[in-house]
Amino acid sequence: MKTQEVADYFGGKKKLAAALGVSPSAVSMWGETIPETRQYQIQVISKGKFKVDQKPDAHPAA
């Protein structure tokens, strides 16, 4: 999940921070990719518009 894409959806990084209950500086510290724990919150508050980035299975089926 890309920080800028989600920030644009919410109307900017300040509004994204407010929606998550964090400081704007916390959002700025994320860099390009949103931390996984915040991705789950964003998935909920965006009503599924954004989905948590799925990591490949550590043990794929043989």
N, C-alpha and C. Protein backbone atom coordinates (compact mmCIF):
# COMPACT_ATOMS: atom_id res chain seq x y z
N MET A 1 0.86 -1.16 0.00
CA MET A 1 0.00 0.00 0.00
C MET A 1 0.91 1.23 0.00
N LYS A 2 0.71 2.10 -0.94
CA LYS A 2 1.56 3.27 -1.11
C LYS A 2 1.02 4.47 -0.33
N THR A 3 1.90 5.11 0.39
CA THR A 3 1.52 6.25 1.23
C THR A 3 0.86 7.36 0.43
N GLN A 4 1.46 7.75 -0.68
CA GLN A 4 0.93 8.88 -1.44
C GLN A 4 -0.45 8.59 -2.01
N GLU A 5 -0.66 7.38 -2.48
CA GLU A 5 -1.96 7.00 -3.05
C GLU A 5 -3.07 7.09 -1.99
N VAL A 6 -2.78 6.60 -0.80
CA VAL A 6 -3.76 6.63 0.28
C VAL A 6 -3.96 8.07 0.77
N ALA A 7 -2.87 8.83 0.88
CA ALA A 7 -2.98 10.23 1.29
C ALA A 7 -3.84 11.02 0.31
N ASP A 8 -3.66 10.78 -0.97
CA ASP A 8 -4.48 11.46 -1.98
C ASP A 8 -5.96 11.13 -1.79
N TYR A 9 -6.26 9.89 -1.51
CA TYR A 9 -7.64 9.45 -1.29
C TYR A 9 -8.27 10.20 -0.10
N PHE A 10 -7.49 10.38 0.97
CA PHE A 10 -8.01 11.04 2.17
C PHE A 10 -7.93 12.56 2.09
N GLY A 11 -7.28 13.09 1.07
CA GLY A 11 -7.20 14.53 0.93
C GLY A 11 -5.92 15.13 1.47
N GLY A 12 -4.91 14.32 1.65
CA GLY A 12 -3.61 14.79 2.11
C GLY A 12 -3.13 14.02 3.32
N LYS A 13 -1.85 14.19 3.62
CA LYS A 13 -1.24 13.44 4.73
C LYS A 13 -1.79 13.88 6.08
N LYS A 14 -2.13 15.16 6.24
CA LYS A 14 -2.70 15.62 7.51
C LYS A 14 -4.05 14.96 7.76
N LYS A 15 -4.87 14.87 6.72
CA LYS A 15 -6.19 14.26 6.88
C LYS A 15 -6.08 12.75 7.08
N LEU A 16 -5.12 12.13 6.43
CA LEU A 16 -4.87 10.70 6.65
C LEU A 16 -4.46 10.48 8.10
N ALA A 17 -3.54 11.30 8.60
CA ALA A 17 -3.10 11.19 9.99
C ALA A 17 -4.28 11.34 10.95
N ALA A 18 -5.12 12.33 10.70
CA ALA A 18 -6.29 12.55 11.56
C ALA A 18 -7.23 11.35 11.54
N ALA A 19 -7.43 10.76 10.37
CA ALA A 19 -8.32 9.60 10.24
C ALA A 19 -7.79 8.41 11.03
N LEU A 20 -6.46 8.31 11.14
CA LEU A 20 -5.84 7.20 11.87
C LEU A 20 -5.56 7.53 13.33
N GLY A 21 -5.71 8.79 13.71
CA GLY A 21 -5.43 9.20 15.08
C GLY A 21 -3.94 9.25 15.39
N VAL A 22 -3.14 9.59 14.38
CA VAL A 22 -1.69 9.73 14.57
C VAL A 22 -1.27 11.12 14.14
N SER A 23 -0.03 11.46 14.43
CA SER A 23 0.47 12.78 14.04
C SER A 23 0.87 12.78 12.57
N PRO A 24 0.80 13.95 11.93
CA PRO A 24 1.26 14.05 10.54
C PRO A 24 2.72 13.64 10.39
N SER A 25 3.53 13.88 11.42
CA SER A 25 4.94 13.48 11.32
C SER A 25 5.09 11.96 11.29
N ALA A 26 4.19 11.25 11.96
CA ALA A 26 4.22 9.78 11.91
C ALA A 26 3.98 9.30 10.48
N VAL A 27 3.02 9.91 9.80
CA VAL A 27 2.73 9.55 8.41
C VAL A 27 3.94 9.86 7.53
N SER A 28 4.58 10.98 7.76
CA SER A 28 5.75 11.35 6.97
C SER A 28 6.90 10.36 7.16
N MET A 29 7.00 9.77 8.34
CA MET A 29 8.09 8.84 8.63
C MET A 29 7.91 7.49 7.93
N TRP A 30 6.72 7.20 7.44
CA TRP A 30 6.47 5.92 6.78
C TRP A 30 7.27 5.74 5.50
N GLY A 31 7.56 6.83 4.83
CA GLY A 31 8.22 6.71 3.54
C GLY A 31 7.22 6.32 2.46
N GLU A 32 7.64 5.53 1.51
CA GLU A 32 6.80 5.18 0.35
C GLU A 32 5.72 4.16 0.67
N THR A 33 6.01 3.24 1.59
CA THR A 33 5.09 2.14 1.88
C THR A 33 4.57 2.23 3.31
N ILE A 34 3.27 2.06 3.48
CA ILE A 34 2.63 2.14 4.78
C ILE A 34 2.92 0.87 5.58
N PRO A 35 3.24 1.00 6.88
CA PRO A 35 3.47 -0.18 7.71
C PRO A 35 2.25 -1.10 7.73
N GLU A 36 2.49 -2.38 7.83
CA GLU A 36 1.42 -3.37 7.74
C GLU A 36 0.31 -3.15 8.76
N THR A 37 0.66 -2.82 10.00
CA THR A 37 -0.38 -2.62 11.02
C THR A 37 -1.31 -1.47 10.66
N ARG A 38 -0.77 -0.42 10.06
CA ARG A 38 -1.61 0.71 9.63
C ARG A 38 -2.42 0.35 8.39
N GLN A 39 -1.87 -0.54 7.57
CA GLN A 39 -2.61 -0.96 6.37
C GLN A 39 -3.94 -1.60 6.75
N TYR A 40 -3.95 -2.38 7.82
CA TYR A 40 -5.21 -3.00 8.26
C TYR A 40 -6.23 -1.94 8.66
N GLN A 41 -5.77 -0.91 9.37
CA GLN A 41 -6.67 0.18 9.75
C GLN A 41 -7.23 0.89 8.51
N ILE A 42 -6.35 1.14 7.56
CA ILE A 42 -6.76 1.85 6.34
C ILE A 42 -7.75 1.01 5.54
N GLN A 43 -7.54 -0.29 5.50
CA GLN A 43 -8.47 -1.17 4.80
C GLN A 43 -9.87 -1.03 5.40
N VAL A 44 -9.95 -0.96 6.72
CA VAL A 44 -11.24 -0.83 7.39
C VAL A 44 -11.86 0.55 7.16
N ILE A 45 -11.10 1.61 7.41
CA ILE A 45 -11.70 2.95 7.32
C ILE A 45 -11.95 3.38 5.88
N SER A 46 -11.29 2.74 4.91
CA SER A 46 -11.57 3.05 3.50
C SER A 46 -12.65 2.13 2.94
N LYS A 47 -13.21 1.30 3.82
CA LYS A 47 -14.27 0.35 3.43
C LYS A 47 -13.82 -0.54 2.27
N GLY A 48 -12.56 -0.98 2.35
CA GLY A 48 -12.03 -1.92 1.37
C GLY A 48 -11.47 -1.31 0.11
N LYS A 49 -11.47 0.01 0.01
CA LYS A 49 -10.90 0.67 -1.18
C LYS A 49 -9.44 0.27 -1.33
N PHE A 50 -8.74 0.19 -0.19
CA PHE A 50 -7.34 -0.23 -0.18
C PHE A 50 -7.25 -1.55 0.57
N LYS A 51 -6.44 -2.46 0.07
CA LYS A 51 -6.27 -3.78 0.67
C LYS A 51 -4.85 -3.91 1.21
N VAL A 52 -4.73 -4.65 2.29
CA VAL A 52 -3.42 -4.92 2.88
C VAL A 52 -2.56 -5.65 1.86
N ASP A 53 -1.30 -5.21 1.73
CA ASP A 53 -0.37 -5.89 0.83
C ASP A 53 -0.15 -7.30 1.35
N GLN A 54 -0.39 -8.28 0.50
CA GLN A 54 -0.21 -9.67 0.89
C GLN A 54 1.22 -10.11 0.64
N LYS A 55 1.81 -10.71 1.63
CA LYS A 55 3.16 -11.25 1.48
C LYS A 55 3.04 -12.65 0.89
N PRO A 56 4.01 -13.06 0.07
CA PRO A 56 3.96 -14.42 -0.45
C PRO A 56 4.05 -15.43 0.69
N ASP A 57 3.44 -16.58 0.51
CA ASP A 57 3.47 -17.62 1.53
C ASP A 57 4.90 -18.05 1.82
N ALA A 58 5.18 -18.21 3.09
CA ALA A 58 6.51 -18.66 3.48
C ALA A 58 6.69 -20.14 3.12
N HIS A 59 5.58 -20.86 3.09
CA HIS A 59 5.62 -22.29 2.79
C HIS A 59 4.59 -22.61 1.71
N PRO A 60 4.89 -22.30 0.46
CA PRO A 60 3.91 -22.57 -0.60
C PRO A 60 3.61 -24.06 -0.73
N ALA A 61 2.41 -24.33 -1.17
CA ALA A 61 2.01 -25.74 -1.35
C ALA A 61 2.90 -26.40 -2.39
N ALA A 62 3.26 -27.64 -2.12
CA ALA A 62 4.15 -28.37 -3.04
C ALA A 62 3.37 -29.06 -4.12
